[in-house]
Each structure stands twice: as C-alpha cells, then as structure tokens.
Amino acid sequence: MSAINELEDHLDRLIIRILPPMRATKYVDADAFAELHELVAALARELAGAESVPRRLAGKLWLVFTEALVQADHARSPEEILHHAWAYQDELEKLFLPSSPPPTPGVARY
C-alpha cells in the first residue's frame, strides 16, 4: 500500500470520528482535529513537487471543513466548531496553495 493510500485510510477514519458526532450533537473531537492537522502536514510532505492533489482526496479533505461550517450554522454555540474549522482551513491552504512557485491563475491544484 502506498503512503498516499495509507494517509487516505487514516483520513477516512478521522472523518468517521469527527463528522457523525458533530452532526448529531455538535461535539468537536479536538484530538481528532489535531490528528487531522498532522495528516494534512504529512500529505503536504508526501505530495511535495506533485502538480496536483488526487481529486478524491481533495474532496474528502474539504468535506470536513465545509461540513463543520454547515454544522456551526445549526449550533447554538458555534464558536468551538468554527475555531476548529478555520484552523483546519489554514492547514488546507498550505496543502493546496503552496508558497512557491505561484499557482497559474485559473488552474486549481486538484
């Protein structure tokens, strides 16, 4: 199994730890989000020099962020969810918008 596949399997397990409790009770698993940050950093190292991020992987990564925003909209106290969502989004930017060379305008990295 390749390193990317192993990281994607870990991502799948983290999604299961994060999203169902967030949907059901608005609970935020801070430990799972911390692991998610580490996973994104590992993906960035693994994909360094690659022209793109596999589409399926990109979709799963952004799913956590977008779903957290949706759940925050339905929470009485959305602050914790939003805190974790926006911190995670910062990590995603590092993966999808590398600092050098600048991306070609109009060409996404996924």
N, C-alpha and C. Protein backbone atom coordinates (compact mmCIF):
# COMPACT_ATOMS: atom_id res chain seq x y z
N MET A 1 0.85 -1.18 0.00
CA MET A 1 0.00 0.00 0.00
C MET A 1 0.90 1.24 0.00
N SER A 2 0.58 2.19 -0.85
CA SER A 2 1.40 3.40 -0.93
C SER A 2 1.14 4.31 0.26
N ALA A 3 2.06 5.24 0.47
CA ALA A 3 1.92 6.18 1.58
C ALA A 3 0.66 7.03 1.42
N ILE A 4 0.34 7.44 0.21
CA ILE A 4 -0.87 8.24 -0.03
C ILE A 4 -2.11 7.44 0.35
N ASN A 5 -2.14 6.16 -0.03
CA ASN A 5 -3.29 5.32 0.32
C ASN A 5 -3.42 5.14 1.82
N GLU A 6 -2.30 4.97 2.51
CA GLU A 6 -2.34 4.85 3.97
C GLU A 6 -2.85 6.14 4.61
N LEU A 7 -2.39 7.29 4.10
CA LEU A 7 -2.87 8.57 4.63
C LEU A 7 -4.36 8.75 4.35
N GLU A 8 -4.80 8.33 3.17
CA GLU A 8 -6.23 8.43 2.86
C GLU A 8 -7.06 7.54 3.77
N ASP A 9 -6.56 6.34 4.08
CA ASP A 9 -7.28 5.46 5.01
C ASP A 9 -7.37 6.10 6.39
N HIS A 10 -6.27 6.74 6.82
CA HIS A 10 -6.29 7.44 8.11
C HIS A 10 -7.29 8.59 8.06
N LEU A 11 -7.34 9.31 6.95
CA LEU A 11 -8.30 10.39 6.78
C LEU A 11 -9.73 9.86 6.89
N ASP A 12 -10.01 8.72 6.27
CA ASP A 12 -11.34 8.13 6.35
C ASP A 12 -11.72 7.84 7.81
N ARG A 13 -10.78 7.31 8.56
CA ARG A 13 -11.07 7.01 9.98
C ARG A 13 -11.31 8.30 10.77
N LEU A 14 -10.55 9.35 10.46
CA LEU A 14 -10.74 10.63 11.15
C LEU A 14 -12.08 11.26 10.79
N ILE A 15 -12.48 11.14 9.55
CA ILE A 15 -13.78 11.67 9.14
C ILE A 15 -14.89 11.02 9.95
N ILE A 16 -14.78 9.71 10.16
CA ILE A 16 -15.79 8.99 10.94
C ILE A 16 -15.77 9.44 12.40
N ARG A 17 -14.59 9.76 12.93
CA ARG A 17 -14.50 10.24 14.31
C ARG A 17 -15.04 11.66 14.45
N ILE A 18 -14.92 12.46 13.40
CA ILE A 18 -15.27 13.88 13.50
C ILE A 18 -16.71 14.17 13.11
N LEU A 19 -17.12 13.74 11.93
CA LEU A 19 -18.40 14.21 11.39
C LEU A 19 -19.66 13.66 12.06
N PRO A 20 -19.80 12.35 12.27
CA PRO A 20 -21.06 11.90 12.89
C PRO A 20 -21.34 12.54 14.26
N PRO A 21 -20.37 12.62 15.19
CA PRO A 21 -20.68 13.29 16.46
C PRO A 21 -20.98 14.78 16.28
N MET A 22 -20.31 15.41 15.32
CA MET A 22 -20.56 16.83 15.08
C MET A 22 -21.98 17.03 14.54
N ARG A 23 -22.40 16.15 13.66
CA ARG A 23 -23.76 16.26 13.11
C ARG A 23 -24.81 15.98 14.17
N ALA A 24 -24.57 14.96 14.97
CA ALA A 24 -25.58 14.52 15.93
C ALA A 24 -25.69 15.43 17.15
N THR A 25 -24.56 15.84 17.71
CA THR A 25 -24.59 16.55 18.99
C THR A 25 -23.80 17.84 18.98
N LYS A 26 -23.21 18.19 17.84
CA LYS A 26 -22.36 19.39 17.71
C LYS A 26 -21.10 19.26 18.57
N TYR A 27 -20.71 18.01 18.90
CA TYR A 27 -19.49 17.74 19.65
C TYR A 27 -18.29 17.85 18.72
N VAL A 28 -17.23 18.50 19.19
CA VAL A 28 -15.99 18.63 18.43
C VAL A 28 -14.93 17.77 19.10
N ASP A 29 -14.41 16.80 18.36
CA ASP A 29 -13.33 15.95 18.86
C ASP A 29 -12.01 16.66 18.58
N ALA A 30 -11.52 17.40 19.57
CA ALA A 30 -10.31 18.20 19.40
C ALA A 30 -9.10 17.32 19.08
N ASP A 31 -9.03 16.13 19.67
CA ASP A 31 -7.91 15.22 19.39
C ASP A 31 -7.93 14.77 17.93
N ALA A 32 -9.11 14.49 17.41
CA ALA A 32 -9.21 14.08 16.01
C ALA A 32 -8.82 15.22 15.08
N PHE A 33 -9.21 16.45 15.44
CA PHE A 33 -8.80 17.60 14.62
C PHE A 33 -7.28 17.79 14.67
N ALA A 34 -6.68 17.56 15.83
CA ALA A 34 -5.21 17.66 15.94
C ALA A 34 -4.54 16.62 15.03
N GLU A 35 -5.09 15.39 15.03
CA GLU A 35 -4.57 14.36 14.13
C GLU A 35 -4.77 14.76 12.68
N LEU A 36 -5.88 15.42 12.39
CA LEU A 36 -6.16 15.86 11.03
C LEU A 36 -5.13 16.89 10.56
N HIS A 37 -4.74 17.79 11.46
CA HIS A 37 -3.70 18.76 11.13
C HIS A 37 -2.39 18.05 10.79
N GLU A 38 -2.04 17.05 11.59
CA GLU A 38 -0.82 16.27 11.33
C GLU A 38 -0.92 15.52 10.02
N LEU A 39 -2.10 14.99 9.72
CA LEU A 39 -2.29 14.26 8.48
C LEU A 39 -2.12 15.18 7.27
N VAL A 40 -2.68 16.38 7.34
CA VAL A 40 -2.54 17.33 6.23
C VAL A 40 -1.06 17.70 6.04
N ALA A 41 -0.34 17.88 7.12
CA ALA A 41 1.10 18.17 7.02
C ALA A 41 1.84 17.00 6.37
N ALA A 42 1.47 15.77 6.74
CA ALA A 42 2.09 14.59 6.14
C ALA A 42 1.76 14.50 4.65
N LEU A 43 0.53 14.82 4.30
CA LEU A 43 0.15 14.84 2.88
C LEU A 43 0.94 15.89 2.12
N ALA A 44 1.13 17.05 2.72
CA ALA A 44 1.90 18.11 2.07
C ALA A 44 3.33 17.63 1.80
N ARG A 45 3.91 16.93 2.76
CA ARG A 45 5.27 16.39 2.55
C ARG A 45 5.27 15.34 1.46
N GLU A 46 4.27 14.47 1.49
CA GLU A 46 4.19 13.38 0.52
C GLU A 46 3.93 13.89 -0.90
N LEU A 47 3.16 14.95 -1.01
CA LEU A 47 2.79 15.48 -2.32
C LEU A 47 3.69 16.64 -2.78
N ALA A 48 4.73 16.92 -2.01
CA ALA A 48 5.65 18.00 -2.40
C ALA A 48 6.18 17.73 -3.80
N GLY A 49 6.09 18.71 -4.64
CA GLY A 49 6.55 18.57 -6.01
C GLY A 49 5.51 18.02 -6.96
N ALA A 50 4.41 17.51 -6.44
CA ALA A 50 3.35 17.00 -7.31
C ALA A 50 2.57 18.17 -7.88
N GLU A 51 2.10 18.01 -9.09
CA GLU A 51 1.34 19.08 -9.72
C GLU A 51 -0.08 19.18 -9.20
N SER A 52 -0.60 18.09 -8.67
CA SER A 52 -1.98 18.12 -8.21
C SER A 52 -2.19 17.17 -7.03
N VAL A 53 -3.28 17.40 -6.36
CA VAL A 53 -3.75 16.52 -5.29
C VAL A 53 -4.83 15.65 -5.91
N PRO A 54 -4.80 14.34 -5.69
CA PRO A 54 -5.86 13.50 -6.27
C PRO A 54 -7.25 14.03 -5.90
N ARG A 55 -8.14 14.07 -6.87
CA ARG A 55 -9.45 14.68 -6.71
C ARG A 55 -10.24 14.06 -5.56
N ARG A 56 -10.24 12.73 -5.46
CA ARG A 56 -10.99 12.07 -4.39
C ARG A 56 -10.47 12.49 -3.03
N LEU A 57 -9.16 12.59 -2.89
CA LEU A 57 -8.55 13.00 -1.64
C LEU A 57 -8.88 14.46 -1.34
N ALA A 58 -8.82 15.31 -2.35
CA ALA A 58 -9.17 16.72 -2.17
C ALA A 58 -10.61 16.87 -1.69
N GLY A 59 -11.51 16.09 -2.26
CA GLY A 59 -12.91 16.16 -1.85
C GLY A 59 -13.11 15.77 -0.40
N LYS A 60 -12.42 14.73 0.03
CA LYS A 60 -12.54 14.29 1.42
C LYS A 60 -11.97 15.33 2.37
N LEU A 61 -10.85 15.94 2.00
CA LEU A 61 -10.23 16.95 2.86
C LEU A 61 -11.14 18.16 3.03
N TRP A 62 -11.72 18.62 1.94
CA TRP A 62 -12.59 19.80 2.01
C TRP A 62 -13.94 19.47 2.63
N LEU A 63 -14.38 18.21 2.55
CA LEU A 63 -15.64 17.81 3.16
C LEU A 63 -15.67 18.14 4.64
N VAL A 64 -14.58 17.85 5.35
CA VAL A 64 -14.55 18.10 6.79
C VAL A 64 -14.75 19.59 7.06
N PHE A 65 -14.07 20.44 6.31
CA PHE A 65 -14.18 21.88 6.51
C PHE A 65 -15.59 22.38 6.21
N THR A 66 -16.11 22.01 5.06
CA THR A 66 -17.43 22.52 4.67
C THR A 66 -18.53 21.99 5.59
N GLU A 67 -18.42 20.74 5.98
CA GLU A 67 -19.42 20.17 6.88
C GLU A 67 -19.35 20.83 8.25
N ALA A 68 -18.15 21.16 8.72
CA ALA A 68 -18.03 21.87 10.00
C ALA A 68 -18.72 23.23 9.93
N LEU A 69 -18.57 23.93 8.82
CA LEU A 69 -19.25 25.22 8.67
C LEU A 69 -20.77 25.05 8.67
N VAL A 70 -21.25 24.01 8.01
CA VAL A 70 -22.69 23.74 7.98
C VAL A 70 -23.19 23.45 9.40
N GLN A 71 -22.45 22.62 10.12
CA GLN A 71 -22.89 22.27 11.48
C GLN A 71 -22.82 23.48 12.41
N ALA A 72 -21.86 24.35 12.21
CA ALA A 72 -21.77 25.57 13.02
C ALA A 72 -23.00 26.44 12.80
N ASP A 73 -23.52 26.46 11.57
CA ASP A 73 -24.73 27.22 11.28
C ASP A 73 -25.94 26.71 12.05
N HIS A 74 -25.89 25.45 12.45
CA HIS A 74 -27.03 24.83 13.14
C HIS A 74 -26.79 24.66 14.64
N ALA A 75 -25.70 25.21 15.13
CA ALA A 75 -25.36 25.06 16.55
C ALA A 75 -25.79 26.29 17.34
N ARG A 76 -26.16 26.08 18.57
CA ARG A 76 -26.50 27.21 19.44
C ARG A 76 -25.25 28.00 19.80
N SER A 77 -24.14 27.29 19.99
CA SER A 77 -22.87 27.94 20.31
C SER A 77 -21.83 27.43 19.30
N PRO A 78 -21.72 28.12 18.17
CA PRO A 78 -20.87 27.62 17.09
C PRO A 78 -19.39 27.92 17.25
N GLU A 79 -18.99 28.63 18.28
CA GLU A 79 -17.62 29.13 18.39
C GLU A 79 -16.57 28.02 18.31
N GLU A 80 -16.78 26.93 19.05
CA GLU A 80 -15.77 25.86 19.06
C GLU A 80 -15.66 25.19 17.70
N ILE A 81 -16.79 24.93 17.07
CA ILE A 81 -16.77 24.32 15.74
C ILE A 81 -16.06 25.24 14.76
N LEU A 82 -16.39 26.52 14.79
CA LEU A 82 -15.76 27.47 13.87
C LEU A 82 -14.27 27.60 14.13
N HIS A 83 -13.88 27.59 15.38
CA HIS A 83 -12.45 27.67 15.71
C HIS A 83 -11.68 26.53 15.05
N HIS A 84 -12.19 25.31 15.20
CA HIS A 84 -11.51 24.15 14.62
C HIS A 84 -11.60 24.16 13.09
N ALA A 85 -12.73 24.57 12.56
CA ALA A 85 -12.88 24.61 11.10
C ALA A 85 -11.91 25.58 10.46
N TRP A 86 -11.80 26.78 11.01
CA TRP A 86 -10.93 27.78 10.38
C TRP A 86 -9.45 27.46 10.60
N ALA A 87 -9.10 26.85 11.72
CA ALA A 87 -7.71 26.42 11.93
C ALA A 87 -7.36 25.32 10.92
N TYR A 88 -8.30 24.42 10.68
CA TYR A 88 -8.10 23.36 9.70
C TYR A 88 -7.99 23.94 8.29
N GLN A 89 -8.79 24.93 7.99
CA GLN A 89 -8.74 25.56 6.67
C GLN A 89 -7.37 26.18 6.42
N ASP A 90 -6.76 26.73 7.45
CA ASP A 90 -5.40 27.28 7.31
C ASP A 90 -4.43 26.19 6.88
N GLU A 91 -4.58 24.99 7.43
CA GLU A 91 -3.72 23.87 7.05
C GLU A 91 -3.99 23.44 5.60
N LEU A 92 -5.24 23.46 5.21
CA LEU A 92 -5.58 23.09 3.84
C LEU A 92 -4.97 24.07 2.84
N GLU A 93 -4.96 25.35 3.19
CA GLU A 93 -4.35 26.33 2.30
C GLU A 93 -2.88 26.02 2.06
N LYS A 94 -2.19 25.57 3.08
CA LYS A 94 -0.78 25.21 2.93
C LYS A 94 -0.61 24.05 1.96
N LEU A 95 -1.57 23.14 1.95
CA LEU A 95 -1.51 22.00 1.05
C LEU A 95 -1.89 22.38 -0.38
N PHE A 96 -2.96 23.15 -0.52
CA PHE A 96 -3.48 23.44 -1.85
C PHE A 96 -2.90 24.69 -2.49
N LEU A 97 -2.35 25.58 -1.69
CA LEU A 97 -1.77 26.80 -2.24
C LEU A 97 -0.32 26.91 -1.79
N PRO A 98 0.57 26.13 -2.39
CA PRO A 98 1.97 26.17 -1.97
C PRO A 98 2.57 27.56 -2.20
N SER A 99 3.55 27.91 -1.37
CA SER A 99 4.11 29.25 -1.42
C SER A 99 4.94 29.50 -2.67
N SER A 100 5.59 28.49 -3.22
CA SER A 100 6.37 28.73 -4.42
C SER A 100 6.34 27.49 -5.29
N PRO A 101 6.33 27.57 -6.56
CA PRO A 101 6.10 28.78 -7.34
C PRO A 101 4.62 29.16 -7.26
N PRO A 102 4.32 30.41 -7.58
CA PRO A 102 2.92 30.82 -7.52
C PRO A 102 2.07 30.00 -8.49
N PRO A 103 0.85 29.69 -8.08
CA PRO A 103 0.00 28.89 -8.97
C PRO A 103 -0.37 29.67 -10.22
N THR A 104 -0.59 28.93 -11.28
CA THR A 104 -1.03 29.53 -12.53
C THR A 104 -2.46 30.03 -12.33
N PRO A 105 -2.71 31.28 -12.64
CA PRO A 105 -4.08 31.80 -12.47
C PRO A 105 -5.09 30.95 -13.22
N GLY A 106 -6.15 30.64 -12.55
CA GLY A 106 -7.21 29.88 -13.17
C GLY A 106 -7.01 28.37 -13.19
N VAL A 107 -5.88 27.89 -12.66
CA VAL A 107 -5.62 26.46 -12.65
C VAL A 107 -5.58 25.97 -11.21
N ALA A 108 -6.58 25.21 -10.82
CA ALA A 108 -6.63 24.67 -9.46
C ALA A 108 -5.64 23.54 -9.30
N ARG A 109 -5.25 23.27 -8.05
CA ARG A 109 -4.27 22.21 -7.79
C ARG A 109 -4.94 20.87 -7.56
N TYR A 110 -6.22 20.73 -7.75
CA TYR A 110 -6.91 19.46 -7.59
C TYR A 110 -7.50 19.00 -8.87
